[in-house]
PDB file of N, CA and C in Angstrom:
ATOM      1  N   MET A   1     108.465  82.073 114.348  1.00  0.00           N
ATOM      2  CA  MET A   1     108.629  83.503 114.484  1.00  0.00           C
ATOM      3  C   MET A   1     107.396  84.073 115.177  1.00  0.00           C
ATOM      4  N   LEU A   2     107.630  84.887 116.166  1.00  0.00           N
ATOM      5  CA  LEU A   2     106.547  85.519 116.905  1.00  0.00           C
ATOM      6  C   LEU A   2     106.101  86.784 116.184  1.00  0.00           C
ATOM      7  N   ARG A   3     104.807  86.941 115.978  1.00  0.00           N
ATOM      8  CA  ARG A   3     104.250  88.138 115.349  1.00  0.00           C
ATOM      9  C   ARG A   3     103.336  88.818 116.349  1.00  0.00           C
ATOM     10  N   LEU A   4     103.666  90.044 116.688  1.00  0.00           N
ATOM     11  CA  LEU A   4     102.873  90.789 117.665  1.00  0.00           C
ATOM     12  C   LEU A   4     102.188  91.957 116.989  1.00  0.00           C
ATOM     13  N   PHE A   5     100.905  92.109 117.260  1.00  0.00           N
ATOM     14  CA  PHE A   5     100.159  93.215 116.672  1.00  0.00           C
ATOM     15  C   PHE A   5      98.930  93.511 117.505  1.00  0.00           C
ATOM     16  N   THR A   6      98.399  94.710 117.311  1.00  0.00           N
ATOM     17  CA  THR A   6      97.136  95.112 117.917  1.00  0.00           C
ATOM     18  C   THR A   6      96.096  95.097 116.812  1.00  0.00           C
ATOM     19  N   ALA A   7      94.945  94.488 117.074  1.00  0.00           N
ATOM     20  CA  ALA A   7      93.945  94.348 116.021  1.00  0.00           C
ATOM     21  C   ALA A   7      92.534  94.402 116.587  1.00  0.00           C
ATOM     22  N   LEU A   8      91.597  94.668 115.695  1.00  0.00           N
ATOM     23  CA  LEU A   8      90.174  94.611 116.011  1.00  0.00           C
ATOM     24  C   LEU A   8      89.569  93.424 115.275  1.00  0.00           C
ATOM     25  N   ALA A   9      88.710  92.698 115.954  1.00  0.00           N
ATOM     26  CA  ALA A   9      88.012  91.589 115.307  1.00  0.00           C
ATOM     27  C   ALA A   9      86.993  92.135 114.310  1.00  0.00           C
ATOM     28  N   VAL A  10      86.802  91.410 113.216  1.00  0.00           N
ATOM     29  CA  VAL A  10      85.804  91.782 112.216  1.00  0.00           C
ATOM     30  C   VAL A  10      84.476  91.149 112.637  1.00  0.00           C
ATOM     31  N   PRO A  11      83.393  91.921 112.709  1.00  0.00           N
ATOM     32  CA  PRO A  11      82.090  91.349 113.064  1.00  0.00           C
ATOM     33  C   PRO A  11      81.699  90.211 112.109  1.00  0.00           C
ATOM     34  N   PHE A  12      80.983  89.227 112.642  1.00  0.00           N
ATOM     35  CA  PHE A  12      80.642  88.026 111.879  1.00  0.00           C
ATOM     36  C   PHE A  12      79.934  88.348 110.565  1.00  0.00           C
ATOM     37  N   ASP A  13      78.963  89.250 110.564  1.00  0.00           N
ATOM     38  CA  ASP A  13      78.218  89.531 109.333  1.00  0.00           C
ATOM     39  C   ASP A  13      79.121  90.138 108.257  1.00  0.00           C
ATOM     40  N   ILE A  14      80.060  90.966 108.645  1.00  0.00           N
ATOM     41  CA  ILE A  14      80.994  91.540 107.669  1.00  0.00           C
ATOM     42  C   ILE A  14      81.965  90.469 107.180  1.00  0.00           C
ATOM     43  N   ALA A  15      82.441  89.617 108.083  1.00  0.00           N
ATOM     44  CA  ALA A  15      83.342  88.531 107.696  1.00  0.00           C
ATOM     45  C   ALA A  15      82.664  87.596 106.700  1.00  0.00           C
ATOM     46  N   GLU A  16      81.393  87.302 106.897  1.00  0.00           N
ATOM     47  CA  GLU A  16      80.663  86.437 105.965  1.00  0.00           C
ATOM     48  C   GLU A  16      80.516  87.100 104.594  1.00  0.00           C
ATOM     49  N   THR A  17      80.259  88.391 104.571  1.00  0.00           N
ATOM     50  CA  THR A  17      80.169  89.115 103.298  1.00  0.00           C
ATOM     51  C   THR A  17      81.509  89.054 102.573  1.00  0.00           C
ATOM     52  N   LEU A  18      82.594  89.275 103.277  1.00  0.00           N
ATOM     53  CA  LEU A  18      83.923  89.199 102.670  1.00  0.00           C
ATOM     54  C   LEU A  18      84.214  87.792 102.159  1.00  0.00           C
ATOM     55  N   ARG A  19      83.814  86.772 102.935  1.00  0.00           N
ATOM     56  CA  ARG A  19      84.052  85.386 102.523  1.00  0.00           C
ATOM     57  C   ARG A  19      83.366  85.089 101.194  1.00  0.00           C
ATOM     58  N   ARG A  20      82.148  85.586 101.026  1.00  0.00           N
ATOM     59  CA  ARG A  20      81.412  85.341  99.782  1.00  0.00           C
ATOM     60  C   ARG A  20      82.059  86.045  98.590  1.00  0.00           C
ATOM     61  N   ARG A  21      82.793  87.108  98.830  1.00  0.00           N
ATOM     62  CA  ARG A  21      83.415  87.878  97.744  1.00  0.00           C
ATOM     63  C   ARG A  21      84.857  87.460  97.462  1.00  0.00           C
ATOM     64  N   GLN A  22      85.340  86.436  98.111  1.00  0.00           N
ATOM     65  CA  GLN A  22      86.734  86.040  97.973  1.00  0.00           C
ATOM     66  C   GLN A  22      87.050  85.334  96.663  1.00  0.00           C
ATOM     67  N   THR A  23      86.063  84.885  95.954  1.00  0.00           N
ATOM     68  CA  THR A  23      86.324  84.206  94.693  1.00  0.00           C
ATOM     69  C   THR A  23      86.746  85.224  93.642  1.00  0.00           C
ATOM     70  N   GLY A  24      87.432  84.760  92.627  1.00  0.00           N
ATOM     71  CA  GLY A  24      87.802  85.636  91.530  1.00  0.00           C
ATOM     72  C   GLY A  24      89.128  86.360  91.712  1.00  0.00           C
ATOM     73  N   LEU A  25      89.875  86.022  92.740  1.00  0.00           N
ATOM     74  CA  LEU A  25      91.196  86.615  92.929  1.00  0.00           C
ATOM     75  C   LEU A  25      92.240  85.502  92.866  1.00  0.00           C
ATOM     76  N   PRO A  26      92.720  85.190  91.657  1.00  0.00           N
ATOM     77  CA  PRO A  26      93.669  84.087  91.504  1.00  0.00           C
ATOM     78  C   PRO A  26      94.944  84.330  92.317  1.00  0.00           C
ATOM     79  N   GLY A  27      95.408  83.286  92.971  1.00  0.00           N
ATOM     80  CA  GLY A  27      96.635  83.356  93.747  1.00  0.00           C
ATOM     81  C   GLY A  27      96.465  83.874  95.164  1.00  0.00           C
ATOM     82  N   ALA A  28      95.278  84.348  95.517  1.00  0.00           N
ATOM     83  CA  ALA A  28      95.051  84.851  96.879  1.00  0.00           C
ATOM     84  C   ALA A  28      94.992  83.676  97.848  1.00  0.00           C
ATOM     85  N   ARG A  29      95.556  83.855  99.011  1.00  0.00           N
ATOM     86  CA  ARG A  29      95.511  82.830 100.062  1.00  0.00           C
ATOM     87  C   ARG A  29      94.683  83.384 101.204  1.00  0.00           C
ATOM     88  N   TRP A  30      93.436  82.963 101.283  1.00  0.00           N
ATOM     89  CA  TRP A  30      92.510  83.493 102.276  1.00  0.00           C
ATOM     90  C   TRP A  30      92.609  82.721 103.570  1.00  0.00           C
ATOM     91  N   ARG A  31      92.461  83.414 104.673  1.00  0.00           N
ATOM     92  CA  ARG A  31      92.429  82.819 106.003  1.00  0.00           C
ATOM     93  C   ARG A  31      90.986  82.436 106.324  1.00  0.00           C
ATOM     94  N   PRO A  32      90.797  81.522 107.272  1.00  0.00           N
ATOM     95  CA  PRO A  32      89.434  81.201 107.698  1.00  0.00           C
ATOM     96  C   PRO A  32      88.729  82.450 108.228  1.00  0.00           C
ATOM     97  N   THR A  33      87.434  82.485 108.079  1.00  0.00           N
ATOM     98  CA  THR A  33      86.642  83.654 108.469  1.00  0.00           C
ATOM     99  C   THR A  33      86.887  84.061 109.922  1.00  0.00           C
ATOM    100  N   ASP A  34      87.053  83.097 110.822  1.00  0.00           N
ATOM    101  CA  ASP A  34      87.249  83.443 112.239  1.00  0.00           C
ATOM    102  C   ASP A  34      88.630  84.028 112.538  1.00  0.00           C
ATOM    103  N   HIS A  35      89.518  84.067 111.539  1.00  0.00           N
ATOM    104  CA  HIS A  35      90.845  84.669 111.712  1.00  0.00           C
ATOM    105  C   HIS A  35      90.915  86.084 111.152  1.00  0.00           C
ATOM    106  N   LEU A  36      89.852  86.576 110.545  1.00  0.00           N
ATOM    107  CA  LEU A  36      89.886  87.915 109.967  1.00  0.00           C
ATOM    108  C   LEU A  36      89.949  88.971 111.062  1.00  0.00           C
ATOM    109  N   HIS A  37      90.757  90.001 110.810  1.00  0.00           N
ATOM    110  CA  HIS A  37      90.895  91.103 111.757  1.00  0.00           C
ATOM    111  C   HIS A  37      91.374  92.338 110.999  1.00  0.00           C
ATOM    112  N   ILE A  38      91.316  93.469 111.662  1.00  0.00           N
ATOM    113  CA  ILE A  38      91.848  94.719 111.122  1.00  0.00           C
ATOM    114  C   ILE A  38      93.059  95.068 111.977  1.00  0.00           C
ATOM    115  N   THR A  39      94.249  95.057 111.360  1.00  0.00           N
ATOM    116  CA  THR A  39      95.475  95.356 112.094  1.00  0.00           C
ATOM    117  C   THR A  39      95.596  96.853 112.322  1.00  0.00           C
ATOM    118  N   LEU A  40      95.762  97.239 113.571  1.00  0.00           N
ATOM    119  CA  LEU A  40      95.937  98.643 113.931  1.00  0.00           C
ATOM    120  C   LEU A  40      97.411  99.003 114.039  1.00  0.00           C
ATOM    121  N   SER A  41      98.218  98.074 114.551  1.00  0.00           N
ATOM    122  CA  SER A  41      99.645  98.325 114.709  1.00  0.00           C
ATOM    123  C   SER A  41     100.383  96.992 114.688  1.00  0.00           C
ATOM    124  N   PHE A  42     101.494  96.936 113.952  1.00  0.00           N
ATOM    125  CA  PHE A  42     102.308  95.726 113.865  1.00  0.00           C
ATOM    126  C   PHE A  42     103.637  96.004 114.549  1.00  0.00           C
ATOM    127  N   TYR A  43     104.000  95.170 115.520  1.00  0.00           N
ATOM    128  CA  TYR A  43     105.212  95.395 116.308  1.00  0.00           C
ATOM    129  C   TYR A  43     106.377  94.527 115.854  1.00  0.00           C
ATOM    130  N   GLY A  44     106.102  93.433 115.215  1.00  0.00           N
ATOM    131  CA  GLY A  44     107.199  92.591 114.755  1.00  0.00           C
ATOM    132  C   GLY A  44     106.879  91.134 114.831  1.00  0.00           C
TER     133      GLY A  44
END
């Protein structure tokens, strides 16, 4: 399935901070740090 969206990349220092805080959320499925982004619009 093709997923199209417009997004902004998360700066490395912010992505690293988020990565360190990812523990403690049971059942969460985290993506690798280099895949983090902020979705602005999702087209399908």
